[in-house]
Every structure is written in structure tokens, then in C-alpha cells.
Amino acid sequence: MEDQIDQLSSVSTQSLISFGIAICIHSLIDGLAVGVYDELETIVILAISIVVHKIPVAVTVGQTFRS
């Protein structure tokens, strides 16, 4: 029974690598989004929204790699 619980609670290495690659691509797209604008006001608003968006992403990453 304990082995089954360990198997369900553990995350495979392949899943962690896939998740890491997905987060890298996500961050790249966020950076590209900032790069397409040339007005300072728009860049500041987008940068603030990206920083706020990164909070739940960071929590998700932490929880995923913790398990």
C-alpha cells in the first residue's frame, strides 16, 4: 500500500523536464511580448502585469519540483 502512495505522489523525471521546458518557452513568449512594444507606458503596464503573473507561476513551479 505504501509503495502505491509513493508512486502516486512522486513526479517522474520526464514530467519535471517537460514542465521545465514549458516554463522556459512561456518565459520566452513573455519576453517577446514586451519586446514588440515601443511606447514606454505600454511597456511598463505589460511588465507589471507579467511580474504579477509570475507569482502564481513561481508557486506552481515550487510545488511541482517539491513533490
C-alpha atoms as a PDB file:
ATOM      1  CA  MET A   1       0.000   0.000   0.000  1.00  0.00           C
ATOM      2  CA  GLU A   2       2.810   2.413   0.876  1.00  0.00           C
ATOM      3  CA  ASP A   3       4.503   1.762  -2.478  1.00  0.00           C
ATOM      4  CA  GLN A   4       1.324   2.758  -4.295  1.00  0.00           C
ATOM      5  CA  ILE A   5       1.138   6.017  -2.353  1.00  0.00           C
ATOM      6  CA  ASP A   6       4.799   6.763  -3.124  1.00  0.00           C
ATOM      7  CA  GLN A   7       4.210   6.131  -6.824  1.00  0.00           C
ATOM      8  CA  LEU A   8       1.195   8.432  -6.905  1.00  0.00           C
ATOM      9  CA  SER A   9       2.896  11.244  -5.005  1.00  0.00           C
ATOM     10  CA  SER A  10       6.193  11.192  -6.888  1.00  0.00           C
ATOM     11  CA  VAL A  11       6.694  13.059 -10.150  1.00  0.00           C
ATOM     12  CA  SER A  12       8.716  11.421 -12.889  1.00  0.00           C
ATOM     13  CA  THR A  13      11.921  12.961 -14.162  1.00  0.00           C
ATOM     14  CA  GLN A  14      10.446  13.187 -17.649  1.00  0.00           C
ATOM     15  CA  SER A  15       7.484  15.186 -16.302  1.00  0.00           C
ATOM     16  CA  LEU A  16       9.816  17.580 -14.492  1.00  0.00           C
ATOM     17  CA  ILE A  17      11.925  18.105 -17.617  1.00  0.00           C
ATOM     18  CA  SER A  18       8.812  18.679 -19.733  1.00  0.00           C
ATOM     19  CA  PHE A  19       7.473  21.147 -17.184  1.00  0.00           C
ATOM     20  CA  GLY A  20      10.808  22.986 -17.094  1.00  0.00           C
ATOM     21  CA  ILE A  21      10.881  23.280 -20.885  1.00  0.00           C
ATOM     22  CA  ALA A  22       7.281  24.531 -20.911  1.00  0.00           C
ATOM     23  CA  ILE A  23       8.120  27.218 -18.336  1.00  0.00           C
ATOM     24  CA  CYS A  24      11.160  28.297 -20.385  1.00  0.00           C
ATOM     25  CA  ILE A  25       9.039  28.649 -23.521  1.00  0.00           C
ATOM     26  CA  HIS A  26       6.416  30.529 -21.501  1.00  0.00           C
ATOM     27  CA  SER A  27       9.046  32.986 -20.252  1.00  0.00           C
ATOM     28  CA  LEU A  28      10.422  33.448 -23.756  1.00  0.00           C
ATOM     29  CA  ILE A  29       6.977  34.364 -25.049  1.00  0.00           C
ATOM     30  CA  ASP A  30       6.547  36.832 -22.167  1.00  0.00           C
ATOM     31  CA  GLY A  31       9.840  38.475 -23.129  1.00  0.00           C
ATOM     32  CA  LEU A  32       8.870  38.674 -26.767  1.00  0.00           C
ATOM     33  CA  ALA A  33       5.585  40.308 -25.783  1.00  0.00           C
ATOM     34  CA  VAL A  34       7.480  43.113 -24.049  1.00  0.00           C
ATOM     35  CA  GLY A  35       9.840  43.480 -26.996  1.00  0.00           C
ATOM     36  CA  VAL A  36       7.174  44.237 -29.594  1.00  0.00           C
ATOM     37  CA  TYR A  37       6.032  47.481 -27.976  1.00  0.00           C
ATOM     38  CA  ASP A  38       7.820  50.799 -28.371  1.00  0.00           C
ATOM     39  CA  GLU A  39       5.793  53.103 -26.094  1.00  0.00           C
ATOM     40  CA  LEU A  40       7.163  53.364 -22.562  1.00  0.00           C
ATOM     41  CA  GLU A  41       3.728  53.462 -20.928  1.00  0.00           C
ATOM     42  CA  THR A  42       2.638  50.259 -22.666  1.00  0.00           C
ATOM     43  CA  ILE A  43       5.905  48.519 -21.780  1.00  0.00           C
ATOM     44  CA  VAL A  44       5.570  49.472 -18.110  1.00  0.00           C
ATOM     45  CA  ILE A  45       1.972  48.218 -17.933  1.00  0.00           C
ATOM     46  CA  LEU A  46       2.896  44.955 -19.650  1.00  0.00           C
ATOM     47  CA  ALA A  47       5.967  44.487 -17.447  1.00  0.00           C
ATOM     48  CA  ILE A  48       3.902  44.986 -14.288  1.00  0.00           C
ATOM     49  CA  SER A  49       1.287  42.511 -15.488  1.00  0.00           C
ATOM     50  CA  ILE A  50       3.996  39.957 -16.303  1.00  0.00           C
ATOM     51  CA  VAL A  51       5.551  40.349 -12.849  1.00  0.00           C
ATOM     52  CA  VAL A  52       2.143  39.840 -11.203  1.00  0.00           C
ATOM     53  CA  HIS A  53       1.555  36.838 -13.473  1.00  0.00           C
ATOM     54  CA  LYS A  54       4.872  35.296 -12.424  1.00  0.00           C
ATOM     55  CA  ILE A  55       3.742  34.965  -8.789  1.00  0.00           C
ATOM     56  CA  PRO A  56       1.341  32.047  -9.396  1.00  0.00           C
ATOM     57  CA  VAL A  57       3.805  30.590 -11.913  1.00  0.00           C
ATOM     58  CA  ALA A  58       6.528  30.605  -9.248  1.00  0.00           C
ATOM     59  CA  VAL A  59       4.217  28.927  -6.742  1.00  0.00           C
ATOM     60  CA  THR A  60       3.342  26.265  -9.310  1.00  0.00           C
ATOM     61  CA  VAL A  61       6.996  25.632 -10.130  1.00  0.00           C
ATOM     62  CA  GLY A  62       7.852  25.368  -6.449  1.00  0.00           C
ATOM     63  CA  GLN A  63       5.056  22.909  -5.764  1.00  0.00           C
ATOM     64  CA  THR A  64       5.888  20.823  -8.816  1.00  0.00           C
ATOM     65  CA  PHE A  65       9.593  20.473  -8.070  1.00  0.00           C
ATOM     66  CA  ARG A  66       8.936  19.942  -4.369  1.00  0.00           C
ATOM     67  CA  SER A  67       6.944  16.766  -4.969  1.00  0.00           C
END
